[in-house]
Amino acid sequence: MLNLNNIFLKFEGGNPTGTMKDRAAYACLKVARERGFDSLAIASCGNFGASFVYMSRIFGMIPHVYIPESYHTPRIVEMERRGGVIHRVSGTYEDAVMYSAREAGERGWFNANPGYEPNKSASIEAYATISYEIYERLGCAPDFVAVPIGNGTTIAGVHKGFKDLLEEDRIGRLPILIGGSTPGGNPVVKCLTEGARTIVNLEPKEIVETDYNEPLVSWICLDGQEALDALWESSGWATFIPDAELLRYSDILAREEGLLVLPASCASLAAIVEYAKEKKPEKDQKYVAVLTARRFQQPT
């Protein structure tokens, strides 16, 4: 159906809360506990907050989740049931990040937001484990690895994982990274397609957010420079995927593979197909699409 012979799917929806964010949440909470914190602040539109709330129970920490008041996700109920303290704030997700970071500083909580150290390093290291798992299952490095791009942390971590494998002499080359994001606005993909090597954030008015592109849309990519560096270092490629295509690939995966994948997480698979159309690589090359989250049902 996709006219490519070797596409492998790395499905992160089997993690405890259904997304790759569990890896970063666990790593950041471990750091927070080691530093003596008992409470944290995290901005989220749903998935990251759910992950931190779930993982906080392991470390005995109180999670304060800051959600833009315009967002209405069923994961709020889930977070409250699991002991999360919900704060609704005005503005965008990026505004919530800045507000929650300030609150953390004033109240002596751990600031768990992406883009801040030590979270940045811990999260990138956590996402590097995705690369090790890909290598272990395939027994080699694939030719291409595609990752959805939101804040940029995941693709930066995947790149680091393969760089570590290269330094360990376990692989002989780095995979080419392929990024997929939304035309609703993402600085990493915009900068790469325009040939820029330094991240330049967008203006909030440039953002067009929908129910489907929310995990990808961003006017400030908090780990955007790391993501952009990863794409350049891997001779990578990136493109924008419209909502209709995200939904189409989500339906294809449900029908053909029995996988319920969040539409935004299908940006990786859609980007592989667009790359193949434009670049016309050899059909027998190996592609891995990282599917970062499962599709969630309404709670009952």
C-alpha atoms as a PDB file:
ATOM      1  CA  MET A   1       0.000   0.000   0.000  1.00  0.00           C
ATOM      2  CA  LEU A   2       2.845   2.403   0.808  1.00  0.00           C
ATOM      3  CA  ASN A   3       5.048   1.162  -2.068  1.00  0.00           C
ATOM      4  CA  LEU A   4       8.029   0.520   0.212  1.00  0.00           C
ATOM      5  CA  ASN A   5       9.358  -2.915   1.098  1.00  0.00           C
ATOM      6  CA  ASN A   6      10.883  -2.481   4.552  1.00  0.00           C
ATOM      7  CA  ILE A   7       8.931  -0.238   6.909  1.00  0.00           C
ATOM      8  CA  PHE A   8       9.109  -1.130  10.602  1.00  0.00           C
ATOM      9  CA  LEU A   9       6.903   0.440  13.256  1.00  0.00           C
ATOM     10  CA  LYS A  10       8.251   1.373  16.704  1.00  0.00           C
ATOM     11  CA  PHE A  11       5.029   1.698  18.693  1.00  0.00           C
ATOM     12  CA  GLU A  12       5.378   3.657  21.938  1.00  0.00           C
ATOM     13  CA  GLY A  13       1.697   3.309  22.806  1.00  0.00           C
ATOM     14  CA  GLY A  14       2.417   0.266  24.963  1.00  0.00           C
ATOM     15  CA  ASN A  15       4.100   2.368  27.648  1.00  0.00           C
ATOM     16  CA  PRO A  16       2.147   2.711  30.938  1.00  0.00           C
ATOM     17  CA  THR A  17       0.257   5.897  29.999  1.00  0.00           C
ATOM     18  CA  GLY A  18       0.353   5.248  26.271  1.00  0.00           C
ATOM     19  CA  THR A  19       3.102   7.575  25.048  1.00  0.00           C
ATOM     20  CA  MET A  20       6.868   7.854  24.770  1.00  0.00           C
ATOM     21  CA  LYS A  21       6.658  10.624  27.380  1.00  0.00           C
ATOM     22  CA  ASP A  22       6.752   7.990  30.128  1.00  0.00           C
ATOM     23  CA  ARG A  23      10.459   7.565  29.396  1.00  0.00           C
ATOM     24  CA  ALA A  24      11.204  11.249  29.985  1.00  0.00           C
ATOM     25  CA  ALA A  25       8.874  11.573  32.967  1.00  0.00           C
ATOM     26  CA  TYR A  26      10.524   8.675  34.783  1.00  0.00           C
ATOM     27  CA  ALA A  27      14.020  10.032  34.074  1.00  0.00           C
ATOM     28  CA  CYS A  28      13.162  13.560  35.230  1.00  0.00           C
ATOM     29  CA  LEU A  29      11.407  12.349  38.366  1.00  0.00           C
ATOM     30  CA  LYS A  30      14.400  10.239  39.271  1.00  0.00           C
ATOM     31  CA  VAL A  31      16.587  13.341  39.049  1.00  0.00           C
ATOM     32  CA  ALA A  32      14.082  15.369  41.081  1.00  0.00           C
ATOM     33  CA  ARG A  33      13.935  12.800  43.860  1.00  0.00           C
ATOM     34  CA  GLU A  34      17.736  12.465  43.956  1.00  0.00           C
ATOM     35  CA  ARG A  35      17.907  16.236  44.440  1.00  0.00           C
ATOM     36  CA  GLY A  36      15.537  16.105  47.393  1.00  0.00           C
ATOM     37  CA  PHE A  37      12.335  17.520  45.884  1.00  0.00           C
ATOM     38  CA  ASP A  38       8.907  16.262  46.945  1.00  0.00           C
ATOM     39  CA  SER A  39       6.768  18.308  44.527  1.00  0.00           C
ATOM     40  CA  LEU A  40       7.042  19.294  40.877  1.00  0.00           C
ATOM     41  CA  ALA A  41       5.462  21.591  38.327  1.00  0.00           C
ATOM     42  CA  ILE A  42       4.852  20.593  34.707  1.00  0.00           C
ATOM     43  CA  ALA A  43       2.944  22.325  31.908  1.00  0.00           C
ATOM     44  CA  SER A  44       0.948  20.038  29.677  1.00  0.00           C
ATOM     45  CA  CYS A  45      -1.925  19.807  27.239  1.00  0.00           C
ATOM     46  CA  GLY A  46      -2.593  16.247  28.405  1.00  0.00           C
ATOM     47  CA  ASN A  47      -0.131  13.458  27.701  1.00  0.00           C
ATOM     48  CA  PHE A  48       2.992  14.744  29.451  1.00  0.00           C
ATOM     49  CA  GLY A  49       1.022  15.703  32.521  1.00  0.00           C
ATOM     50  CA  ALA A  50      -0.634  12.272  32.628  1.00  0.00           C
ATOM     51  CA  SER A  51       2.772  10.652  32.441  1.00  0.00           C
ATOM     52  CA  PHE A  52       4.229  12.747  35.253  1.00  0.00           C
ATOM     53  CA  VAL A  53       1.201  12.120  37.457  1.00  0.00           C
ATOM     54  CA  TYR A  54       1.425   8.364  36.895  1.00  0.00           C
ATOM     55  CA  MET A  55       5.186   8.204  37.468  1.00  0.00           C
ATOM     56  CA  SER A  56       5.069  10.525  40.485  1.00  0.00           C
ATOM     57  CA  ARG A  57       3.453   7.769  42.528  1.00  0.00           C
ATOM     58  CA  ILE A  58       6.592   5.667  42.096  1.00  0.00           C
ATOM     59  CA  PHE A  59       8.722   8.429  43.608  1.00  0.00           C
ATOM     60  CA  GLY A  60       6.256   9.660  46.216  1.00  0.00           C
ATOM     61  CA  MET A  61       6.073  13.151  44.718  1.00  0.00           C
ATOM     62  CA  ILE A  62       3.190  15.607  44.360  1.00  0.00           C
ATOM     63  CA  PRO A  63       2.672  16.600  40.694  1.00  0.00           C
ATOM     64  CA  HIS A  64       1.261  20.059  39.905  1.00  0.00           C
ATOM     65  CA  VAL A  65       0.060  20.117  36.294  1.00  0.00           C
ATOM     66  CA  TYR A  66      -0.523  23.443  34.553  1.00  0.00           C
ATOM     67  CA  ILE A  67      -2.954  23.183  31.651  1.00  0.00           C
ATOM     68  CA  PRO A  68      -4.020  26.033  29.341  1.00  0.00           C
ATOM     69  CA  GLU A  69      -7.625  26.866  30.191  1.00  0.00           C
ATOM     70  CA  SER A  70      -8.663  26.535  26.545  1.00  0.00           C
ATOM     71  CA  TYR A  71      -7.757  22.813  26.524  1.00  0.00           C
ATOM     72  CA  HIS A  72     -10.360  20.212  27.347  1.00  0.00           C
ATOM     73  CA  THR A  73      -8.759  16.793  27.387  1.00  0.00           C
ATOM     74  CA  PRO A  74     -10.198  13.651  29.017  1.00  0.00           C
ATOM     75  CA  ARG A  75      -6.759  13.105  30.520  1.00  0.00           C
ATOM     76  CA  ILE A  76      -7.523  15.812  33.089  1.00  0.00           C
ATOM     77  CA  VAL A  77      -9.993  13.473  34.790  1.00  0.00           C
ATOM     78  CA  GLU A  78      -7.388  10.703  34.695  1.00  0.00           C
ATOM     79  CA  MET A  79      -4.760  12.955  36.264  1.00  0.00           C
ATOM     80  CA  GLU A  80      -7.108  14.055  39.047  1.00  0.00           C
ATOM     81  CA  ARG A  81      -8.044  10.455  39.797  1.00  0.00           C
ATOM     82  CA  ARG A  82      -4.376   9.605  40.180  1.00  0.00           C
ATOM     83  CA  GLY A  83      -3.603  12.463  42.531  1.00  0.00           C
ATOM     84  CA  GLY A  84      -2.484  15.210  40.177  1.00  0.00           C
ATOM     85  CA  VAL A  85      -3.073  18.799  41.261  1.00  0.00           C
ATOM     86  CA  ILE A  86      -4.518  20.626  38.256  1.00  0.00           C
ATOM     87  CA  HIS A  87      -3.943  24.343  37.654  1.00  0.00           C
ATOM     88  CA  ARG A  88      -5.728  26.032  34.727  1.00  0.00           C
ATOM     89  CA  VAL A  89      -3.828  28.996  33.257  1.00  0.00           C
ATOM     90  CA  SER A  90      -4.536  31.492  30.522  1.00  0.00           C
ATOM     91  CA  GLY A  91      -2.666  31.570  27.220  1.00  0.00           C
ATOM     92  CA  THR A  92      -0.857  28.956  25.169  1.00  0.00           C
ATOM     93  CA  TYR A  93       1.080  25.869  26.194  1.00  0.00           C
ATOM     94  CA  GLU A  94       4.265  27.929  25.990  1.00  0.00           C
ATOM     95  CA  ASP A  95       2.710  30.476  28.355  1.00  0.00           C
ATOM     96  CA  ALA A  96       1.863  27.610  30.725  1.00  0.00           C
ATOM     97  CA  VAL A  97       5.475  26.445  30.622  1.00  0.00           C
ATOM     98  CA  MET A  98       6.763  29.870  31.618  1.00  0.00           C
ATOM     99  CA  TYR A  99       4.112  30.333  34.310  1.00  0.00           C
ATOM    100  CA  SER A 100       4.659  26.886  35.859  1.00  0.00           C
ATOM    101  CA  ALA A 101       8.432  27.339  35.782  1.00  0.00           C
ATOM    102  CA  ARG A 102       8.051  30.591  37.686  1.00  0.00           C
ATOM    103  CA  GLU A 103       5.675  28.950  40.190  1.00  0.00           C
ATOM    104  CA  ALA A 104       8.167  26.131  40.730  1.00  0.00           C
ATOM    105  CA  GLY A 105      10.907  28.610  41.531  1.00  0.00           C
ATOM    106  CA  GLU A 106       8.743  30.584  43.938  1.00  0.00           C
ATOM    107  CA  ARG A 107       7.358  27.534  45.760  1.00  0.00           C
ATOM    108  CA  GLY A 108      10.505  25.429  45.888  1.00  0.00           C
ATOM    109  CA  TRP A 109       9.174  22.737  43.558  1.00  0.00           C
ATOM    110  CA  PHE A 110      11.083  20.890  40.870  1.00  0.00           C
ATOM    111  CA  ASN A 111      10.599  22.507  37.465  1.00  0.00           C
ATOM    112  CA  ALA A 112       9.919  19.474  35.287  1.00  0.00           C
ATOM    113  CA  ASN A 113       9.320  21.345  32.036  1.00  0.00           C
ATOM    114  CA  PRO A 114      11.244  20.510  28.843  1.00  0.00           C
ATOM    115  CA  GLY A 115      13.899  22.966  27.784  1.00  0.00           C
ATOM    116  CA  TYR A 116      15.236  23.370  31.330  1.00  0.00           C
ATOM    117  CA  GLU A 117      18.196  21.564  32.835  1.00  0.00           C
ATOM    118  CA  PRO A 118      18.526  18.990  34.213  1.00  0.00           C
ATOM    119  CA  ASN A 119      15.335  17.868  32.454  1.00  0.00           C
ATOM    120  CA  LYS A 120      16.707  18.508  28.991  1.00  0.00           C
ATOM    121  CA  SER A 121      19.647  16.154  29.403  1.00  0.00           C
ATOM    122  CA  ALA A 122      17.636  13.544  31.321  1.00  0.00           C
ATOM    123  CA  SER A 123      14.866  13.501  28.707  1.00  0.00           C
ATOM    124  CA  ILE A 124      17.231  13.247  25.747  1.00  0.00           C
ATOM    125  CA  GLU A 125      19.025  10.369  27.461  1.00  0.00           C
ATOM    126  CA  ALA A 126      15.673   8.703  28.119  1.00  0.00           C
ATOM    127  CA  TYR A 127      14.588   8.958  24.493  1.00  0.00           C
ATOM    128  CA  ALA A 128      17.966   7.602  23.398  1.00  0.00           C
ATOM    129  CA  THR A 129      16.763   4.221  24.686  1.00  0.00           C
ATOM    130  CA  ILE A 130      14.334   4.114  21.753  1.00  0.00           C
ATOM    131  CA  SER A 131      17.324   3.823  19.421  1.00  0.00           C
ATOM    132  CA  TYR A 132      18.813   0.979  21.442  1.00  0.00           C
ATOM    133  CA  GLU A 133      15.522  -0.904  21.234  1.00  0.00           C
ATOM    134  CA  ILE A 134      15.330  -0.371  17.478  1.00  0.00           C
ATOM    135  CA  TYR A 135      18.878  -1.663  17.102  1.00  0.00           C
ATOM    136  CA  GLU A 136      18.215  -4.687  19.307  1.00  0.00           C
ATOM    137  CA  ARG A 137      15.099  -5.715  17.395  1.00  0.00           C
ATOM    138  CA  LEU A 138      16.549  -5.189  13.909  1.00  0.00           C
ATOM    139  CA  GLY A 139      20.093  -6.269  14.696  1.00  0.00           C
ATOM    140  CA  CYS A 140      21.389  -3.264  12.782  1.00  0.00           C
ATOM    141  CA  ALA A 141      20.860   0.429  12.253  1.00  0.00           C
ATOM    142  CA  PRO A 142      18.042   1.148   9.789  1.00  0.00           C
ATOM    143  CA  ASP A 143      18.734   3.446   6.874  1.00  0.00           C
ATOM    144  CA  PHE A 144      16.070   5.929   7.984  1.00  0.00           C
ATOM    145  CA  VAL A 145      14.272   6.689  11.245  1.00  0.00           C
ATOM    146  CA  ALA A 146      11.250   8.975  11.198  1.00  0.00           C
ATOM    147  CA  VAL A 147       9.998  10.804  14.298  1.00  0.00           C
ATOM    148  CA  PRO A 148       7.122  13.267  14.864  1.00  0.00           C
ATOM    149  CA  ILE A 149       8.421  16.677  15.902  1.00  0.00           C
ATOM    150  CA  GLY A 150       6.753  18.819  18.551  1.00  0.00           C
ATOM    151  CA  ASN A 151       9.188  20.291  21.103  1.00  0.00           C
ATOM    152  CA  GLY A 152      12.003  18.407  19.389  1.00  0.00           C
ATOM    153  CA  THR A 153      13.110  16.379  22.409  1.00  0.00           C
ATOM    154  CA  THR A 154      12.275  12.946  21.045  1.00  0.00           C
ATOM    155  CA  ILE A 155      14.111  13.248  17.744  1.00  0.00           C
ATOM    156  CA  ALA A 156      17.116  14.736  19.571  1.00  0.00           C
ATOM    157  CA  GLY A 157      17.126  11.736  21.892  1.00  0.00           C
ATOM    158  CA  VAL A 158      16.794   9.209  19.064  1.00  0.00           C
ATOM    159  CA  HIS A 159      19.753  10.831  17.335  1.00  0.00           C
ATOM    160  CA  LYS A 160      21.815  10.701  20.533  1.00  0.00           C
ATOM    161  CA  GLY A 161      21.024   7.022  20.943  1.00  0.00           C
ATOM    162  CA  PHE A 162      22.359   6.167  17.510  1.00  0.00           C
ATOM    163  CA  LYS A 163      25.411   8.376  18.066  1.00  0.00           C
ATOM    164  CA  ASP A 164      26.120   6.427  21.249  1.00  0.00           C
ATOM    165  CA  LEU A 165      25.740   3.144  19.367  1.00  0.00           C
ATOM    166  CA  LEU A 166      28.167   4.419  16.735  1.00  0.00           C
ATOM    167  CA  GLU A 167      30.720   5.397  19.382  1.00  0.00           C
ATOM    168  CA  GLU A 168      30.359   1.928  20.920  1.00  0.00           C
ATOM    169  CA  ASP A 169      31.155   0.398  17.494  1.00  0.00           C
ATOM    170  CA  ARG A 170      27.832  -1.431  17.485  1.00  0.00           C
ATOM    171  CA  ILE A 171      26.732   0.234  14.250  1.00  0.00           C
ATOM    172  CA  GLY A 172      28.753   1.506  11.319  1.00  0.00           C
ATOM    173  CA  ARG A 173      26.767   4.579  10.378  1.00  0.00           C
ATOM    174  CA  LEU A 174      24.030   6.895  11.581  1.00  0.00           C
ATOM    175  CA  PRO A 175      20.509   6.549  10.185  1.00  0.00           C
ATOM    176  CA  ILE A 176      19.146   9.502   8.261  1.00  0.00           C
ATOM    177  CA  LEU A 177      16.504  11.168  10.404  1.00  0.00           C
ATOM    178  CA  ILE A 178      13.163  12.126   8.903  1.00  0.00           C
ATOM    179  CA  GLY A 179      10.949  14.566  10.772  1.00  0.00           C
ATOM    180  CA  GLY A 180       7.241  15.114  10.403  1.00  0.00           C
ATOM    181  CA  SER A 181       5.250  17.966  11.885  1.00  0.00           C
ATOM    182  CA  THR A 182       2.278  20.184  11.159  1.00  0.00           C
ATOM    183  CA  PRO A 183       1.775  23.106   8.755  1.00  0.00           C
ATOM    184  CA  GLY A 184      -0.027  24.663  11.718  1.00  0.00           C
ATOM    185  CA  GLY A 185       3.420  25.773  12.880  1.00  0.00           C
ATOM    186  CA  ASN A 186       6.678  24.173  13.981  1.00  0.00           C
ATOM    187  CA  PRO A 187      10.023  26.031  14.096  1.00  0.00           C
ATOM    188  CA  VAL A 188      12.247  22.956  13.659  1.00  0.00           C
ATOM    189  CA  VAL A 189      10.746  21.856  10.362  1.00  0.00           C
ATOM    190  CA  LYS A 190      10.444  25.427   9.115  1.00  0.00           C
ATOM    191  CA  CYS A 191      14.105  26.157   9.867  1.00  0.00           C
ATOM    192  CA  LEU A 192      15.352  22.945   8.259  1.00  0.00           C
ATOM    193  CA  THR A 193      13.326  23.411   5.085  1.00  0.00           C
ATOM    194  CA  GLU A 194      14.587  26.984   4.824  1.00  0.00           C
ATOM    195  CA  GLY A 195      18.221  25.900   5.293  1.00  0.00           C
ATOM    196  CA  ALA A 196      18.693  27.535   8.700  1.00  0.00           C
ATOM    197  CA  ARG A 197      21.038  25.952  11.245  1.00  0.00           C
ATOM    198  CA  THR A 198      19.976  28.096  14.204  1.00  0.00           C
ATOM    199  CA  ILE A 199      16.461  27.719  15.549  1.00  0.00           C
ATOM    200  CA  VAL A 200      14.214  30.729  15.111  1.00  0.00           C
ATOM    201  CA  ASN A 201      10.938  30.656  17.011  1.00  0.00           C
ATOM    202  CA  LEU A 202       7.646  31.574  15.411  1.00  0.00           C
ATOM    203  CA  GLU A 203       5.243  34.309  16.418  1.00  0.00           C
ATOM    204  CA  PRO A 204       2.158  33.072  18.299  1.00  0.00           C
ATOM    205  CA  LYS A 205      -0.071  34.501  15.547  1.00  0.00           C
ATOM    206  CA  GLU A 206       1.537  32.109  13.046  1.00  0.00           C
ATOM    207  CA  ILE A 207       0.117  29.098  14.892  1.00  0.00           C
ATOM    208  CA  VAL A 208      -3.016  27.326  13.661  1.00  0.00           C
ATOM    209  CA  GLU A 209      -3.931  24.694  16.222  1.00  0.00           C
ATOM    210  CA  THR A 210      -6.482  21.922  15.760  1.00  0.00           C
ATOM    211  CA  ASP A 211      -7.680  18.889  17.697  1.00  0.00           C
ATOM    212  CA  TYR A 212      -5.327  16.726  15.635  1.00  0.00           C
ATOM    213  CA  ASN A 213      -2.103  18.726  15.344  1.00  0.00           C
ATOM    214  CA  GLU A 214      -1.884  19.897  18.988  1.00  0.00           C
ATOM    215  CA  PRO A 215       1.001  17.555  19.967  1.00  0.00           C
ATOM    216  CA  LEU A 216       3.030  18.900  17.027  1.00  0.00           C
ATOM    217  CA  VAL A 217       2.169  22.574  16.870  1.00  0.00           C
ATOM    218  CA  SER A 218       4.598  24.925  18.588  1.00  0.00           C
ATOM    219  CA  TRP A 219       5.716  28.499  18.297  1.00  0.00           C
ATOM    220  CA  ILE A 220       8.605  27.840  20.700  1.00  0.00           C
ATOM    221  CA  CYS A 221      10.290  24.432  20.392  1.00  0.00           C
ATOM    222  CA  LEU A 222      11.814  24.043  23.836  1.00  0.00           C
ATOM    223  CA  ASP A 223      14.439  21.589  22.582  1.00  0.00           C
ATOM    224  CA  GLY A 224      14.326  22.887  19.044  1.00  0.00           C
ATOM    225  CA  GLN A 225      18.028  23.592  18.608  1.00  0.00           C
ATOM    226  CA  GLU A 226      18.924  20.057  19.654  1.00  0.00           C
ATOM    227  CA  ALA A 227      16.364  18.689  17.189  1.00  0.00           C
ATOM    228  CA  LEU A 228      17.594  20.901  14.377  1.00  0.00           C
ATOM    229  CA  ASP A 229      21.205  19.891  15.069  1.00  0.00           C
ATOM    230  CA  ALA A 230      20.183  16.226  14.971  1.00  0.00           C
ATOM    231  CA  LEU A 231      18.559  16.634  11.570  1.00  0.00           C
ATOM    232  CA  TRP A 232      21.552  18.444  10.115  1.00  0.00           C
ATOM    233  CA  GLU A 233      24.092  16.012  11.599  1.00  0.00           C
ATOM    234  CA  SER A 234      22.235  13.023  10.164  1.00  0.00           C
ATOM    235  CA  SER A 235      21.763  14.614   6.720  1.00  0.00           C
ATOM    236  CA  GLY A 236      18.107  14.554   7.645  1.00  0.00           C
ATOM    237  CA  TRP A 237      14.913  15.719   6.000  1.00  0.00           C
ATOM    238  CA  ALA A 238      11.583  17.002   7.300  1.00  0.00           C
ATOM    239  CA  THR A 239       8.180  17.984   6.032  1.00  0.00           C
ATOM    240  CA  PHE A 240       4.771  19.225   7.131  1.00  0.00           C
ATOM    241  CA  ILE A 241       1.866  16.779   7.217  1.00  0.00           C
ATOM    242  CA  PRO A 242      -1.696  18.179   7.007  1.00  0.00           C
ATOM    243  CA  ASP A 243      -4.370  16.998   9.421  1.00  0.00           C
ATOM    244  CA  ALA A 244      -6.170  15.028   6.717  1.00  0.00           C
ATOM    245  CA  GLU A 245      -3.049  12.932   6.147  1.00  0.00           C
ATOM    246  CA  LEU A 246      -2.502  12.402   9.873  1.00  0.00           C
ATOM    247  CA  LEU A 247      -6.026  11.044  10.115  1.00  0.00           C
ATOM    248  CA  ARG A 248      -5.633   8.919   6.994  1.00  0.00           C
ATOM    249  CA  TYR A 249      -2.511   7.196   8.291  1.00  0.00           C
ATOM    250  CA  SER A 250      -4.105   6.707  11.707  1.00  0.00           C
ATOM    251  CA  ASP A 251      -6.966   4.908   9.952  1.00  0.00           C
ATOM    252  CA  ILE A 252      -4.542   2.840   7.840  1.00  0.00           C
ATOM    253  CA  LEU A 253      -2.664   1.664  10.929  1.00  0.00           C
ATOM    254  CA  ALA A 254      -5.907   0.729  12.690  1.00  0.00           C
ATOM    255  CA  ARG A 255      -7.190  -1.170   9.670  1.00  0.00           C
ATOM    256  CA  GLU A 256      -3.987  -2.841   8.461  1.00  0.00           C
ATOM    257  CA  GLU A 257      -1.998  -3.315  11.691  1.00  0.00           C
ATOM    258  CA  GLY A 258      -4.599  -3.202  14.449  1.00  0.00           C
ATOM    259  CA  LEU A 259      -2.764  -0.294  16.077  1.00  0.00           C
ATOM    260  CA  LEU A 260      -4.692   2.614  17.553  1.00  0.00           C
ATOM    261  CA  VAL A 261      -2.259   5.467  16.968  1.00  0.00           C
ATOM    262  CA  LEU A 262      -2.805   9.122  17.800  1.00  0.00           C
ATOM    263  CA  PRO A 263      -3.107  10.995  14.474  1.00  0.00           C
ATOM    264  CA  ALA A 264      -0.237  13.368  15.330  1.00  0.00           C
ATOM    265  CA  SER A 265       1.976  10.348  16.023  1.00  0.00           C
ATOM    266  CA  CYS A 266       1.426   9.211  12.445  1.00  0.00           C
ATOM    267  CA  ALA A 267       3.447  12.185  11.174  1.00  0.00           C
ATOM    268  CA  SER A 268       6.489   9.896  11.139  1.00  0.00           C
ATOM    269  CA  LEU A 269       4.922   7.309   8.813  1.00  0.00           C
ATOM    270  CA  ALA A 270       3.436   9.976   6.563  1.00  0.00           C
ATOM    271  CA  ALA A 271       6.812  11.725   6.360  1.00  0.00           C
ATOM    272  CA  ILE A 272       8.512   8.492   5.248  1.00  0.00           C
ATOM    273  CA  VAL A 273       6.090   8.203   2.354  1.00  0.00           C
ATOM    274  CA  GLU A 274       6.630  11.840   1.368  1.00  0.00           C
ATOM    275  CA  TYR A 275      10.412  11.376   1.580  1.00  0.00           C
ATOM    276  CA  ALA A 276      10.243   8.349  -0.707  1.00  0.00           C
ATOM    277  CA  LYS A 277       8.133  10.246  -3.227  1.00  0.00           C
ATOM    278  CA  GLU A 278      10.580  13.138  -3.358  1.00  0.00           C
ATOM    279  CA  LYS A 279      13.942  11.395  -2.985  1.00  0.00           C
ATOM    280  CA  LYS A 280      13.129   8.044  -4.631  1.00  0.00           C
ATOM    281  CA  PRO A 281      15.568   5.973  -2.522  1.00  0.00           C
ATOM    282  CA  GLU A 282      16.124   2.260  -3.067  1.00  0.00           C
ATOM    283  CA  LYS A 283      13.008   0.328  -2.127  1.00  0.00           C
ATOM    284  CA  ASP A 284      14.883  -2.280  -0.086  1.00  0.00           C
ATOM    285  CA  GLN A 285      16.291   0.230   2.388  1.00  0.00           C
ATOM    286  CA  LYS A 286      15.041  -0.092   5.967  1.00  0.00           C
ATOM    287  CA  TYR A 287      12.736   2.534   7.438  1.00  0.00           C
ATOM    288  CA  VAL A 288      11.537   2.820  11.025  1.00  0.00           C
ATOM    289  CA  ALA A 289       8.572   5.022  11.899  1.00  0.00           C
ATOM    290  CA  VAL A 290       8.431   5.904  15.590  1.00  0.00           C
ATOM    291  CA  LEU A 291       4.744   6.071  16.549  1.00  0.00           C
ATOM    292  CA  THR A 292       4.885   8.108  19.716  1.00  0.00           C
ATOM    293  CA  ALA A 293       1.414   7.663  21.247  1.00  0.00           C
ATOM    294  CA  ARG A 294      -1.692   5.544  21.095  1.00  0.00           C
ATOM    295  CA  ARG A 295      -5.102   6.897  20.318  1.00  0.00           C
ATOM    296  CA  PHE A 296      -7.053   7.432  23.542  1.00  0.00           C
ATOM    297  CA  GLN A 297     -10.672   6.660  24.221  1.00  0.00           C
ATOM    298  CA  GLN A 298     -13.020   8.761  26.305  1.00  0.00           C
ATOM    299  CA  PRO A 299     -13.083   7.564  29.937  1.00  0.00           C
ATOM    300  CA  THR A 300     -16.311   5.982  31.155  1.00  0.00           C
END
